[in-house]
Every structure is written in structure tokens, then in C-alpha cells.
Amino acid sequence: MIKRTRLVVATITLATLAATGTAAAAGPAPTPGAAKSGSATVKVDGRSRAGADADFAAIAAKLGVTTERLDAALVAAKTSLANSAGVTPDAFIAAVA
């Protein structure tokens, strides 16, 4: 069960990092004031943002934590390992845990 949980966390983490990195590198930096209010739907891997959020919430619930706590753990792990070379999935899982 622990191995499965680690695999789920690693998969979600890597998908989140890939989506974040891809979105950041996709285009030029937005200019201040360029944001428009509206009901635009953000797509993540062909799915709506709401669907991705629901999946994230389901994973957090399965792990027994809130989405905010899981998000904070992922951000902290990413930050702590940002300058490390050759980070393994096991090292990332340990940092998230």
C-alpha cells in the first residue's frame, strides 16, 4: 500500500511539475494589466481545470490530507530540490512526505 501511495504521489507530482514548467515556458511573460476577466476554461492535458482539480482533491483525500496541505508539500519539495542534480523519484517522494 505504501508503494502504491508513493507511486500515486510521484505520478501526480511529476504531472503537476510538467504542466507548470510547460505552461511557464510556453509563451512570453504577461504584461501587467493584460489579464481579462471572464469565464475562460483552462485546459490541462486536454482536460478542464475543474477536472484536474477534482483529481487532485481525490488524491489528497486518498492520502488523508487536504488539497492545501498536499499542494504545500509539493511546492516545498520542489523548492528544496530545485538546486539538486540527479533527483530520483524516491528522493522526491521522501521530500513530499
N, C-alpha and C. Protein backbone atom coordinates (compact mmCIF):
# COMPACT_ATOMS: atom_id res chain seq x y z
N MET A 1 0.82 -1.19 0.00
CA MET A 1 0.00 0.00 0.00
C MET A 1 0.86 1.26 0.00
N ILE A 2 1.95 1.23 0.75
CA ILE A 2 2.83 2.40 0.79
C ILE A 2 3.46 2.62 -0.57
N LYS A 3 3.86 1.55 -1.24
CA LYS A 3 4.47 1.67 -2.56
C LYS A 3 3.47 2.28 -3.54
N ARG A 4 2.20 1.86 -3.46
CA ARG A 4 1.18 2.39 -4.34
C ARG A 4 0.94 3.88 -4.05
N THR A 5 0.91 4.24 -2.79
CA THR A 5 0.73 5.64 -2.42
C THR A 5 1.89 6.48 -2.93
N ARG A 6 3.09 5.97 -2.79
CA ARG A 6 4.26 6.69 -3.30
C ARG A 6 4.18 6.85 -4.80
N LEU A 7 3.75 5.81 -5.48
CA LEU A 7 3.63 5.88 -6.93
C LEU A 7 2.60 6.92 -7.34
N VAL A 8 1.48 6.97 -6.64
CA VAL A 8 0.44 7.95 -6.93
C VAL A 8 0.97 9.36 -6.70
N VAL A 9 1.63 9.57 -5.58
CA VAL A 9 2.18 10.89 -5.27
C VAL A 9 3.22 11.29 -6.30
N ALA A 10 4.10 10.38 -6.65
CA ALA A 10 5.14 10.68 -7.64
C ALA A 10 4.53 11.01 -9.00
N THR A 11 3.53 10.25 -9.40
CA THR A 11 2.89 10.48 -10.69
C THR A 11 2.22 11.84 -10.73
N ILE A 12 1.46 12.16 -9.71
CA ILE A 12 0.78 13.45 -9.66
C ILE A 12 1.78 14.59 -9.59
N THR A 13 2.81 14.39 -8.80
CA THR A 13 3.83 15.42 -8.64
C THR A 13 4.52 15.70 -9.97
N LEU A 14 4.92 14.66 -10.63
CA LEU A 14 5.60 14.84 -11.91
C LEU A 14 4.68 15.46 -12.95
N ALA A 15 3.42 15.06 -12.95
CA ALA A 15 2.46 15.66 -13.88
C ALA A 15 2.25 17.14 -13.58
N THR A 16 2.16 17.46 -12.30
CA THR A 16 1.99 18.86 -11.89
C THR A 16 3.21 19.69 -12.27
N LEU A 17 4.39 19.15 -12.00
CA LEU A 17 5.62 19.87 -12.35
C LEU A 17 5.76 20.02 -13.86
N ALA A 18 5.41 19.00 -14.61
CA ALA A 18 5.49 19.08 -16.06
C ALA A 18 4.52 20.11 -16.60
N ALA A 19 3.32 20.12 -16.08
CA ALA A 19 2.32 21.10 -16.54
C ALA A 19 2.73 22.51 -16.17
N THR A 20 3.27 22.69 -14.99
CA THR A 20 3.70 24.02 -14.54
C THR A 20 4.89 24.50 -15.36
N GLY A 21 5.85 23.64 -15.56
CA GLY A 21 7.04 24.02 -16.35
C GLY A 21 6.69 24.28 -17.79
N THR A 22 5.80 23.49 -18.37
CA THR A 22 5.39 23.67 -19.75
C THR A 22 4.61 24.96 -19.92
N ALA A 23 3.73 25.24 -18.99
CA ALA A 23 2.94 26.47 -19.07
C ALA A 23 3.82 27.70 -18.91
N ALA A 24 4.83 27.63 -18.06
CA ALA A 24 5.71 28.77 -17.84
C ALA A 24 6.59 29.03 -19.06
N ALA A 25 6.98 27.98 -19.76
CA ALA A 25 7.87 28.13 -20.90
C ALA A 25 7.11 28.30 -22.21
N ALA A 26 5.80 28.22 -22.21
CA ALA A 26 5.01 28.21 -23.43
C ALA A 26 4.99 29.55 -24.16
N GLY A 27 5.11 30.62 -23.46
CA GLY A 27 5.00 31.90 -24.14
C GLY A 27 5.67 33.01 -23.39
N PRO A 28 5.57 34.22 -23.94
CA PRO A 28 6.18 35.36 -23.28
C PRO A 28 5.47 35.69 -21.97
N ALA A 29 6.19 36.37 -21.11
CA ALA A 29 5.63 36.75 -19.82
C ALA A 29 4.48 37.73 -20.04
N PRO A 30 3.39 37.58 -19.32
CA PRO A 30 2.27 38.51 -19.48
C PRO A 30 2.64 39.89 -18.94
N THR A 31 2.05 40.88 -19.54
CA THR A 31 2.30 42.24 -19.08
C THR A 31 1.28 42.59 -18.01
N PRO A 32 1.65 43.45 -17.07
CA PRO A 32 0.69 43.84 -16.03
C PRO A 32 -0.54 44.50 -16.66
N GLY A 33 -1.68 44.16 -16.15
CA GLY A 33 -2.92 44.73 -16.65
C GLY A 33 -3.46 44.03 -17.89
N ALA A 34 -2.75 43.00 -18.38
CA ALA A 34 -3.19 42.32 -19.59
C ALA A 34 -4.23 41.25 -19.31
N ALA A 35 -4.42 40.90 -18.07
CA ALA A 35 -5.39 39.86 -17.72
C ALA A 35 -6.80 40.36 -17.94
N LYS A 36 -7.62 39.47 -18.48
CA LYS A 36 -9.02 39.83 -18.72
C LYS A 36 -9.89 38.95 -17.85
N SER A 37 -10.91 39.55 -17.30
CA SER A 37 -11.83 38.74 -16.51
C SER A 37 -12.80 38.06 -17.47
N GLY A 38 -13.18 36.87 -17.13
CA GLY A 38 -14.10 36.13 -17.99
C GLY A 38 -14.22 34.72 -17.47
N SER A 39 -14.91 33.92 -18.24
CA SER A 39 -15.11 32.54 -17.81
C SER A 39 -14.36 31.59 -18.73
N ALA A 40 -13.12 31.90 -19.06
CA ALA A 40 -12.32 31.03 -19.92
C ALA A 40 -11.98 29.75 -19.18
N THR A 41 -12.02 28.65 -19.90
CA THR A 41 -11.71 27.36 -19.31
C THR A 41 -10.25 27.03 -19.61
N VAL A 42 -9.51 26.71 -18.58
CA VAL A 42 -8.11 26.35 -18.73
C VAL A 42 -8.03 24.85 -18.95
N LYS A 43 -7.31 24.43 -19.97
CA LYS A 43 -7.17 23.01 -20.26
C LYS A 43 -5.82 22.52 -19.76
N VAL A 44 -5.81 21.37 -19.10
CA VAL A 44 -4.59 20.72 -18.65
C VAL A 44 -4.60 19.33 -19.24
N ASP A 45 -3.68 19.05 -20.16
CA ASP A 45 -3.62 17.75 -20.83
C ASP A 45 -4.96 17.38 -21.46
N GLY A 46 -5.62 18.34 -22.09
CA GLY A 46 -6.88 18.09 -22.75
C GLY A 46 -8.08 18.03 -21.83
N ARG A 47 -7.90 18.26 -20.57
CA ARG A 47 -9.00 18.23 -19.60
C ARG A 47 -9.18 19.61 -19.01
N SER A 48 -10.37 19.90 -18.55
CA SER A 48 -10.62 21.19 -17.95
C SER A 48 -9.92 21.30 -16.61
N ARG A 49 -9.69 22.51 -16.18
CA ARG A 49 -9.04 22.76 -14.89
C ARG A 49 -9.88 22.17 -13.76
N ALA A 50 -11.19 22.24 -13.89
CA ALA A 50 -12.06 21.69 -12.85
C ALA A 50 -11.87 20.18 -12.72
N GLY A 51 -11.69 19.50 -13.84
CA GLY A 51 -11.46 18.05 -13.80
C GLY A 51 -10.13 17.73 -13.15
N ALA A 52 -9.10 18.53 -13.46
CA ALA A 52 -7.79 18.33 -12.85
C ALA A 52 -7.85 18.60 -11.35
N ASP A 53 -8.59 19.63 -10.96
CA ASP A 53 -8.75 19.95 -9.54
C ASP A 53 -9.48 18.83 -8.81
N ALA A 54 -10.46 18.24 -9.46
CA ALA A 54 -11.20 17.14 -8.85
C ALA A 54 -10.29 15.93 -8.65
N ASP A 55 -9.43 15.66 -9.63
CA ASP A 55 -8.48 14.55 -9.50
C ASP A 55 -7.51 14.82 -8.36
N PHE A 56 -7.03 16.04 -8.27
CA PHE A 56 -6.09 16.42 -7.21
C PHE A 56 -6.75 16.27 -5.84
N ALA A 57 -8.02 16.70 -5.75
CA ALA A 57 -8.76 16.58 -4.49
C ALA A 57 -8.97 15.11 -4.12
N ALA A 58 -9.22 14.28 -5.12
CA ALA A 58 -9.41 12.85 -4.86
C ALA A 58 -8.12 12.21 -4.35
N ILE A 59 -7.00 12.61 -4.91
CA ILE A 59 -5.71 12.06 -4.46
C ILE A 59 -5.40 12.53 -3.04
N ALA A 60 -5.66 13.81 -2.77
CA ALA A 60 -5.44 14.33 -1.41
C ALA A 60 -6.31 13.58 -0.41
N ALA A 61 -7.57 13.34 -0.77
CA ALA A 61 -8.47 12.61 0.13
C ALA A 61 -7.98 11.18 0.34
N LYS A 62 -7.49 10.55 -0.72
CA LYS A 62 -6.98 9.19 -0.59
C LYS A 62 -5.76 9.13 0.34
N LEU A 63 -4.97 10.19 0.31
CA LEU A 63 -3.80 10.26 1.19
C LEU A 63 -4.16 10.74 2.59
N GLY A 64 -5.38 11.20 2.79
CA GLY A 64 -5.83 11.64 4.10
C GLY A 64 -5.39 13.04 4.48
N VAL A 65 -5.15 13.90 3.47
CA VAL A 65 -4.76 15.28 3.72
C VAL A 65 -5.66 16.21 2.91
N THR A 66 -5.60 17.49 3.23
CA THR A 66 -6.35 18.48 2.45
C THR A 66 -5.59 18.80 1.18
N THR A 67 -6.29 19.38 0.22
CA THR A 67 -5.61 19.76 -1.03
C THR A 67 -4.57 20.85 -0.77
N GLU A 68 -4.86 21.73 0.18
CA GLU A 68 -3.90 22.78 0.51
C GLU A 68 -2.61 22.20 1.08
N ARG A 69 -2.77 21.19 1.92
CA ARG A 69 -1.59 20.57 2.54
C ARG A 69 -0.78 19.80 1.51
N LEU A 70 -1.45 19.09 0.60
CA LEU A 70 -0.74 18.37 -0.45
C LEU A 70 -0.03 19.34 -1.38
N ASP A 71 -0.71 20.43 -1.73
CA ASP A 71 -0.10 21.44 -2.59
C ASP A 71 1.12 22.06 -1.91
N ALA A 72 1.01 22.36 -0.62
CA ALA A 72 2.15 22.93 0.12
C ALA A 72 3.31 21.95 0.17
N ALA A 73 3.01 20.66 0.34
CA ALA A 73 4.08 19.65 0.38
C ALA A 73 4.77 19.54 -0.97
N LEU A 74 4.01 19.62 -2.05
CA LEU A 74 4.60 19.54 -3.39
C LEU A 74 5.48 20.76 -3.68
N VAL A 75 4.99 21.92 -3.31
CA VAL A 75 5.77 23.15 -3.52
C VAL A 75 7.05 23.12 -2.68
N ALA A 76 6.94 22.71 -1.42
CA ALA A 76 8.12 22.64 -0.55
C ALA A 76 9.14 21.64 -1.09
N ALA A 77 8.67 20.50 -1.58
CA ALA A 77 9.59 19.50 -2.13
C ALA A 77 10.27 20.03 -3.38
N LYS A 78 9.51 20.67 -4.24
CA LYS A 78 10.08 21.24 -5.47
C LYS A 78 11.12 22.31 -5.13
N THR A 79 10.80 23.15 -4.17
CA THR A 79 11.73 24.21 -3.78
C THR A 79 13.00 23.65 -3.15
N SER A 80 12.84 22.66 -2.28
CA SER A 80 14.02 22.11 -1.59
C SER A 80 14.93 21.35 -2.53
N LEU A 81 14.40 20.80 -3.60
CA LEU A 81 15.21 20.01 -4.53
C LEU A 81 15.56 20.77 -5.81
N ALA A 82 15.21 22.03 -5.88
CA ALA A 82 15.40 22.81 -7.10
C ALA A 82 16.85 22.88 -7.55
N ASN A 83 17.78 22.99 -6.63
CA ASN A 83 19.19 23.12 -6.99
C ASN A 83 19.95 21.81 -6.92
N SER A 84 19.24 20.72 -6.71
CA SER A 84 19.88 19.40 -6.63
C SER A 84 19.97 18.78 -8.01
N ALA A 85 21.07 18.12 -8.27
CA ALA A 85 21.25 17.43 -9.54
C ALA A 85 20.94 15.95 -9.36
N GLY A 86 20.32 15.36 -10.34
CA GLY A 86 20.05 13.93 -10.31
C GLY A 86 19.06 13.51 -9.25
N VAL A 87 17.98 14.24 -9.09
CA VAL A 87 16.98 13.90 -8.09
C VAL A 87 16.21 12.67 -8.56
N THR A 88 16.14 11.67 -7.74
CA THR A 88 15.42 10.44 -8.07
C THR A 88 13.97 10.56 -7.63
N PRO A 89 13.09 9.75 -8.21
CA PRO A 89 11.69 9.76 -7.75
C PRO A 89 11.56 9.45 -6.27
N ASP A 90 12.39 8.53 -5.76
CA ASP A 90 12.34 8.20 -4.34
C ASP A 90 12.72 9.42 -3.47
N ALA A 91 13.71 10.19 -3.93
CA ALA A 91 14.12 11.37 -3.18
C ALA A 91 13.00 12.41 -3.19
N PHE A 92 12.30 12.53 -4.31
CA PHE A 92 11.21 13.49 -4.39
C PHE A 92 10.06 13.04 -3.48
N ILE A 93 9.75 11.76 -3.48
CA ILE A 93 8.68 11.24 -2.62
C ILE A 93 9.02 11.47 -1.17
N ALA A 94 10.29 11.26 -0.81
CA ALA A 94 10.71 11.49 0.57
C ALA A 94 10.57 12.96 0.93
N ALA A 95 10.90 13.85 -0.01
CA ALA A 95 10.76 15.29 0.26
C ALA A 95 9.30 15.69 0.42
N VAL A 96 8.42 15.09 -0.35
CA VAL A 96 6.99 15.40 -0.23
C VAL A 96 6.45 14.88 1.09
N ALA A 97 6.89 13.68 1.45
CA ALA A 97 6.40 13.08 2.71
C ALA A 97 6.88 13.90 3.89
